[in-house]
Amino acid sequence: MLVMMAALAVSCGSKSVLEQVEEEYAKGNYREGLYIARLHFRRGGERSPELLFLAGKSYMRLGIEAEASDSFAEVFSSDSTWAPMIAGVLKDEALESLEKGLTAKGSRFIIQAVNYDQDLDFGRYNGLAGDLMLDRKDYSRAIHYYTVFLEEYPDTVGAAVVMMDLGSAFEGHGDTLEAIQLYRDFQDRYPKSRMRSTAEWKLENLLLDSGKEMLSGGEPEEAERILGELASTAGNPLVREKANFLLAEIFESRSDFAKAVRYYTEVVNMNLGVSGRLAEKAKERIERIEAERKKNLR
């Protein structure tokens, strides 16, 4: 075998090493082509991007992922303009694996491909690409892939799940307003979805956080508007309790003690028979306000 391979490597004297490897690759003789390339490298031959790239493709065809990855990395290191071509090979491998039901393998290749080209289109697997980016906390890329998926497949069975995941990506990226609007849109678009309650929960918590931020940021009027809506309509009792307590604090800071007591009382009433932390604080505030009132009447 070795004699045959050596003969193959030195045959066709007019052909370059690259041409010989290309010829073997075209025939599907990946091992033979790799033998020629590796023999060339061991003899101190030039490690050209073209030959390394072809070696990487050959390793990929043989399922030797680590060697393929190393070859592509060396190509990119020597000439970064090869990135789109490397990404294309990895993308093709990803799609081929996913079509065969090899999700783990396809996912690995998606991640590798995106490392070389962040704007690839994985078609109906863009949702999976978004999931992989979200797991890596690469929120901007997750947003990109989820958005592309929803644009291309808005009416598919998985669109609702992708829409929720897009909201999580917006949250992770700090795009609170976009996440709020998306969860509102989700509730309108999927009123009967099993995930509607999750969207509602996420929306209410984001609105509560926004109200807190506006309050600490010197925007009490806007905070009052948001918290007022949550205090009366929030489905999550914890959100409603916190919203009422914050509203009470806003009015107490304005010396509008009647409204402050009203909202503090609402917090207490929500916790009848339960010793909640906010309820206890609300009782203390009410007692303090009432004591101050009696003192002022003397």
Protein backbone atom coordinates (compact mmCIF):
# COMPACT_ATOMS: atom_id res chain seq x y z
CA MET A 1 0.00 0.00 0.00
CA LEU A 2 2.74 2.44 0.95
CA VAL A 3 4.63 1.65 -2.24
CA MET A 4 1.48 2.28 -4.27
CA MET A 5 0.82 5.57 -2.50
CA ALA A 6 4.40 6.72 -2.96
CA ALA A 7 4.15 5.91 -6.63
CA LEU A 8 0.93 7.89 -6.82
CA ALA A 9 2.55 10.87 -5.14
CA VAL A 10 5.37 11.07 -7.63
CA SER A 11 3.36 10.15 -10.72
CA CYS A 12 2.16 12.72 -13.20
CA GLY A 13 5.36 14.68 -12.89
CA SER A 14 3.91 17.59 -14.80
CA LYS A 15 1.17 18.01 -12.21
CA SER A 16 1.63 20.06 -9.07
CA VAL A 17 0.87 18.62 -5.65
CA LEU A 18 -2.28 20.73 -5.51
CA GLU A 19 -3.47 19.38 -8.86
CA GLN A 20 -2.82 15.80 -7.74
CA VAL A 21 -4.77 16.30 -4.50
CA GLU A 22 -7.61 18.00 -6.39
CA GLU A 23 -7.76 15.07 -8.77
CA GLU A 24 -7.98 12.54 -5.95
CA TYR A 25 -10.61 14.65 -4.17
CA ALA A 26 -12.73 14.81 -7.31
CA LYS A 27 -12.60 11.01 -7.53
CA GLY A 28 -13.60 10.64 -3.89
CA ASN A 29 -10.17 9.28 -2.99
CA TYR A 30 -9.85 11.45 0.10
CA ARG A 31 -7.28 9.33 1.93
CA GLU A 32 -5.06 9.14 -1.14
CA GLY A 33 -5.23 12.90 -1.60
CA LEU A 34 -4.39 13.47 2.05
CA TYR A 35 -1.42 11.12 1.78
CA ILE A 36 -0.02 13.22 -1.07
CA ALA A 37 -0.61 16.48 0.83
CA ARG A 38 0.88 15.23 4.10
CA LEU A 39 3.91 13.76 2.33
CA HIS A 40 4.40 17.15 0.69
CA PHE A 41 4.23 18.90 4.06
CA ARG A 42 6.63 16.43 5.73
CA ARG A 43 9.16 17.12 3.00
CA GLY A 44 9.01 20.83 3.82
CA GLY A 45 6.69 21.78 0.97
CA GLU A 46 4.73 25.04 1.07
CA ARG A 47 1.67 24.98 3.31
CA SER A 48 -0.40 27.02 0.90
CA PRO A 49 -3.97 28.01 1.83
CA GLU A 50 -5.27 26.22 -1.26
CA LEU A 51 -3.71 22.90 -0.28
CA LEU A 52 -4.61 23.24 3.39
CA PHE A 53 -8.20 24.07 2.48
CA LEU A 54 -8.44 21.00 0.27
CA ALA A 55 -6.94 18.90 3.06
CA GLY A 56 -9.55 20.28 5.45
CA LYS A 57 -12.33 19.33 3.05
CA SER A 58 -10.87 15.84 2.68
CA TYR A 59 -10.70 15.37 6.45
CA MET A 60 -14.30 16.56 6.63
CA ARG A 61 -15.41 13.98 4.06
CA LEU A 62 -13.69 11.29 6.10
CA GLY A 63 -15.39 12.45 9.30
CA ILE A 64 -12.11 13.46 10.95
CA GLU A 65 -13.43 16.71 12.46
CA ALA A 66 -10.47 17.68 14.63
CA GLU A 67 -7.97 17.52 11.76
CA ALA A 68 -10.39 19.36 9.47
CA SER A 69 -10.81 22.09 12.08
CA ASP A 70 -7.05 22.46 12.45
CA SER A 71 -6.56 22.70 8.69
CA PHE A 72 -9.24 25.38 8.31
CA ALA A 73 -7.83 27.31 11.26
CA GLU A 74 -4.39 27.33 9.63
CA VAL A 75 -5.89 28.51 6.34
CA PHE A 76 -7.68 31.37 8.08
CA SER A 77 -4.57 32.26 10.07
CA SER A 78 -2.52 32.61 6.89
CA ASP A 79 -5.21 34.37 4.84
CA SER A 80 -8.46 35.56 6.44
CA THR A 81 -10.11 36.12 3.04
CA TRP A 82 -10.74 32.37 2.99
CA ALA A 83 -13.29 32.72 5.79
CA PRO A 84 -16.41 32.68 3.55
CA MET A 85 -15.23 29.54 1.74
CA ILE A 86 -14.43 27.75 4.99
CA ALA A 87 -17.80 28.80 6.38
CA GLY A 88 -19.49 27.49 3.24
CA VAL A 89 -17.98 24.04 3.67
CA LEU A 90 -18.95 23.92 7.33
CA LYS A 91 -22.46 25.15 6.56
CA ASP A 92 -22.92 22.42 3.95
CA GLU A 93 -21.74 19.82 6.45
CA ALA A 94 -24.13 21.23 9.06
CA LEU A 95 -27.14 21.09 6.75
CA GLU A 96 -26.24 17.62 5.48
CA SER A 97 -25.96 16.32 9.06
CA LEU A 98 -29.21 17.96 10.15
CA GLU A 99 -31.08 16.54 7.18
CA LYS A 100 -29.92 13.09 8.31
CA GLY A 101 -31.23 13.75 11.81
CA LEU A 102 -27.75 14.16 13.30
CA THR A 103 -28.65 17.22 15.39
CA ALA A 104 -25.60 17.23 17.67
CA LYS A 105 -23.20 16.96 14.75
CA GLY A 106 -25.06 19.55 12.71
CA SER A 107 -25.08 21.92 15.69
CA ARG A 108 -21.31 21.62 16.05
CA PHE A 109 -20.82 22.57 12.42
CA ILE A 110 -23.24 25.51 12.67
CA ILE A 111 -21.18 26.95 15.53
CA GLN A 112 -17.94 26.43 13.61
CA ALA A 113 -19.40 27.97 10.45
CA VAL A 114 -20.65 31.06 12.30
CA ASN A 115 -17.19 31.54 13.75
CA TYR A 116 -15.99 32.18 10.19
CA ASP A 117 -19.04 33.99 8.79
CA GLN A 118 -21.69 35.43 11.08
CA ASP A 119 -24.22 36.18 8.35
CA LEU A 120 -24.85 32.69 7.00
CA ASP A 121 -28.39 31.61 6.18
CA PHE A 122 -29.23 28.13 7.45
CA GLY A 123 -32.74 28.18 6.01
CA ARG A 124 -35.24 26.32 8.14
CA TYR A 125 -32.46 25.69 10.66
CA ASN A 126 -31.99 29.39 11.45
CA GLY A 127 -34.07 28.84 14.57
CA LEU A 128 -31.59 26.20 15.72
CA ALA A 129 -28.71 28.57 14.92
CA GLY A 130 -30.45 31.16 17.12
CA ASP A 131 -30.73 28.63 19.95
CA LEU A 132 -27.03 27.83 19.71
CA MET A 133 -26.10 31.51 19.78
CA LEU A 134 -28.45 32.12 22.71
CA ASP A 135 -26.82 29.26 24.65
CA ARG A 136 -23.45 30.96 24.05
CA LYS A 137 -24.91 34.30 25.23
CA ASP A 138 -24.16 35.74 21.78
CA TYR A 139 -27.39 37.71 21.93
CA SER A 140 -26.87 39.87 18.84
CA ARG A 141 -26.34 36.82 16.62
CA ALA A 142 -29.25 35.01 18.27
CA ILE A 143 -31.46 37.99 17.47
CA HIS A 144 -30.23 37.91 13.87
CA TYR A 145 -31.01 34.22 13.31
CA TYR A 146 -34.35 34.27 15.12
CA THR A 147 -35.42 37.34 13.15
CA VAL A 148 -34.42 35.78 9.82
CA PHE A 149 -36.30 32.60 10.70
CA LEU A 150 -39.48 34.50 11.54
CA GLU A 151 -39.21 36.51 8.34
CA GLU A 152 -38.80 33.36 6.21
CA TYR A 153 -41.12 30.99 8.13
CA PRO A 154 -43.68 33.15 9.96
CA ASP A 155 -46.50 30.60 9.86
CA THR A 156 -44.67 27.40 10.74
CA VAL A 157 -45.37 25.31 13.83
CA GLY A 158 -42.10 26.39 15.45
CA ALA A 159 -42.60 30.12 14.90
CA ALA A 160 -44.24 30.67 18.30
CA VAL A 161 -41.31 29.07 20.14
CA VAL A 162 -38.80 31.07 18.10
CA MET A 163 -40.71 34.27 18.86
CA MET A 164 -40.46 33.59 22.59
CA ASP A 165 -36.77 32.81 22.25
CA LEU A 166 -36.30 36.06 20.37
CA GLY A 167 -37.77 37.84 23.37
CA SER A 168 -35.21 36.14 25.62
CA ALA A 169 -32.44 37.23 23.24
CA PHE A 170 -33.69 40.82 23.37
CA GLU A 171 -33.71 40.65 27.17
CA GLY A 172 -30.19 39.26 27.27
CA HIS A 173 -29.00 41.98 24.92
CA GLY A 174 -30.56 44.67 27.11
CA ASP A 175 -33.17 45.63 24.49
CA THR A 176 -36.00 45.92 27.02
CA LEU A 177 -38.39 47.95 24.89
CA GLU A 178 -38.06 45.50 21.98
CA ALA A 179 -38.69 42.57 24.33
CA ILE A 180 -41.77 44.27 25.81
CA GLN A 181 -43.23 44.93 22.37
CA LEU A 182 -42.45 41.38 21.23
CA TYR A 183 -44.25 39.80 24.20
CA ARG A 184 -47.24 42.03 23.55
CA ASP A 185 -47.21 41.00 19.89
CA PHE A 186 -46.95 37.35 20.95
CA GLN A 187 -50.08 37.60 23.08
CA ASP A 188 -51.98 39.17 20.19
CA ARG A 189 -50.75 36.66 17.63
CA TYR A 190 -51.02 33.51 19.75
CA PRO A 191 -53.93 34.11 22.16
CA LYS A 192 -54.47 30.36 22.68
CA SER A 193 -50.83 29.31 22.89
CA ARG A 194 -49.69 27.32 25.90
CA MET A 195 -46.81 29.84 26.10
CA ARG A 196 -49.12 32.85 26.41
CA SER A 197 -48.93 32.77 30.21
CA THR A 198 -45.13 32.72 29.98
CA ALA A 199 -45.21 35.73 27.65
CA GLU A 200 -47.53 37.50 30.09
CA TRP A 201 -45.25 36.69 33.03
CA LYS A 202 -42.17 37.94 31.17
CA LEU A 203 -43.97 41.08 30.00
CA GLU A 204 -45.21 42.00 33.46
CA ASN A 205 -41.79 41.52 35.04
CA LEU A 206 -40.13 43.62 32.33
CA LEU A 207 -42.69 46.38 32.83
CA LEU A 208 -42.11 46.24 36.59
CA ASP A 209 -38.35 46.53 36.05
CA SER A 210 -38.92 49.42 33.63
CA GLY A 211 -41.06 51.17 36.23
CA LYS A 212 -38.32 50.76 38.82
CA GLU A 213 -35.68 52.09 36.43
CA MET A 214 -37.78 55.13 35.56
CA LEU A 215 -38.41 55.79 39.23
CA SER A 216 -34.71 55.65 40.10
CA GLY A 217 -33.87 57.58 36.92
CA GLY A 218 -35.97 60.60 37.86
CA GLU A 219 -39.06 59.85 35.75
CA PRO A 220 -41.75 59.37 38.43
CA GLU A 221 -44.68 60.32 36.18
CA GLU A 222 -43.82 57.66 33.59
CA ALA A 223 -43.11 55.17 36.38
CA GLU A 224 -46.52 55.95 37.89
CA ARG A 225 -48.24 55.26 34.55
CA ILE A 226 -46.60 51.87 34.11
CA LEU A 227 -46.97 50.81 37.74
CA GLY A 228 -50.58 51.98 37.84
CA GLU A 229 -51.46 49.65 34.99
CA LEU A 230 -49.65 46.72 36.63
CA ALA A 231 -51.21 47.40 40.03
CA SER A 232 -54.69 46.86 38.64
CA THR A 233 -54.25 44.38 35.77
CA ALA A 234 -51.15 42.22 36.40
CA GLY A 235 -51.99 38.53 36.44
CA ASN A 236 -48.92 37.76 38.55
CA PRO A 237 -49.84 38.56 42.20
CA LEU A 238 -46.20 39.24 43.13
CA VAL A 239 -45.92 41.83 40.34
CA ARG A 240 -49.22 43.40 41.39
CA GLU A 241 -48.07 43.53 45.02
CA LYS A 242 -44.75 45.17 44.15
CA ALA A 243 -46.42 47.66 41.80
CA ASN A 244 -48.88 48.74 44.51
CA PHE A 245 -46.07 49.12 47.03
CA LEU A 246 -43.98 51.25 44.66
CA LEU A 247 -46.98 53.43 43.85
CA ALA A 248 -47.54 53.92 47.57
CA GLU A 249 -43.92 55.05 47.94
CA ILE A 250 -44.31 57.49 45.03
CA PHE A 251 -47.35 59.14 46.60
CA GLU A 252 -45.80 59.14 50.07
CA SER A 253 -42.76 60.99 48.63
CA ARG A 254 -45.19 63.61 47.26
CA SER A 255 -46.90 63.88 50.67
CA ASP A 256 -50.11 62.57 49.12
CA PHE A 257 -50.73 60.40 52.16
CA ALA A 258 -54.31 59.46 51.31
CA LYS A 259 -53.24 57.73 48.08
CA ALA A 260 -50.15 56.31 49.75
CA VAL A 261 -52.29 54.65 52.45
CA ARG A 262 -54.68 53.38 49.77
CA TYR A 263 -51.93 51.55 47.91
CA TYR A 264 -50.22 50.32 51.08
CA THR A 265 -53.58 48.96 52.20
CA GLU A 266 -53.96 47.14 48.90
CA VAL A 267 -50.64 45.39 49.57
CA VAL A 268 -51.85 44.36 53.04
CA ASN A 269 -55.18 43.10 51.67
CA MET A 270 -53.39 40.98 49.08
CA ASN A 271 -51.60 39.19 51.91
CA LEU A 272 -54.44 38.59 54.36
CA GLY A 273 -53.60 35.59 56.48
CA VAL A 274 -50.02 35.61 55.17
CA SER A 275 -47.02 37.31 56.76
CA GLY A 276 -45.34 38.70 53.64
CA ARG A 277 -42.30 40.97 53.77
CA LEU A 278 -43.90 43.77 51.76
CA ALA A 279 -47.16 43.43 53.64
CA GLU A 280 -45.35 43.91 56.96
CA LYS A 281 -43.54 46.95 55.59
CA ALA A 282 -46.83 48.33 54.26
CA LYS A 283 -48.42 47.98 57.70
CA GLU A 284 -45.49 49.82 59.27
CA ARG A 285 -45.79 52.62 56.71
CA ILE A 286 -49.53 52.95 57.29
CA GLU A 287 -49.00 53.11 61.07
CA ARG A 288 -46.28 55.70 60.62
CA ILE A 289 -48.47 57.88 58.38
CA GLU A 290 -51.45 57.60 60.73
CA ALA A 291 -49.26 58.46 63.72
CA GLU A 292 -47.95 61.53 61.90
CA ARG A 293 -51.48 62.58 61.03
CA LYS A 294 -52.62 62.32 64.68
CA LYS A 295 -49.58 64.25 65.78
CA ASN A 296 -50.38 67.06 63.37
CA LEU A 297 -53.98 67.24 64.63
CA ARG A 298 -52.89 68.01 68.19
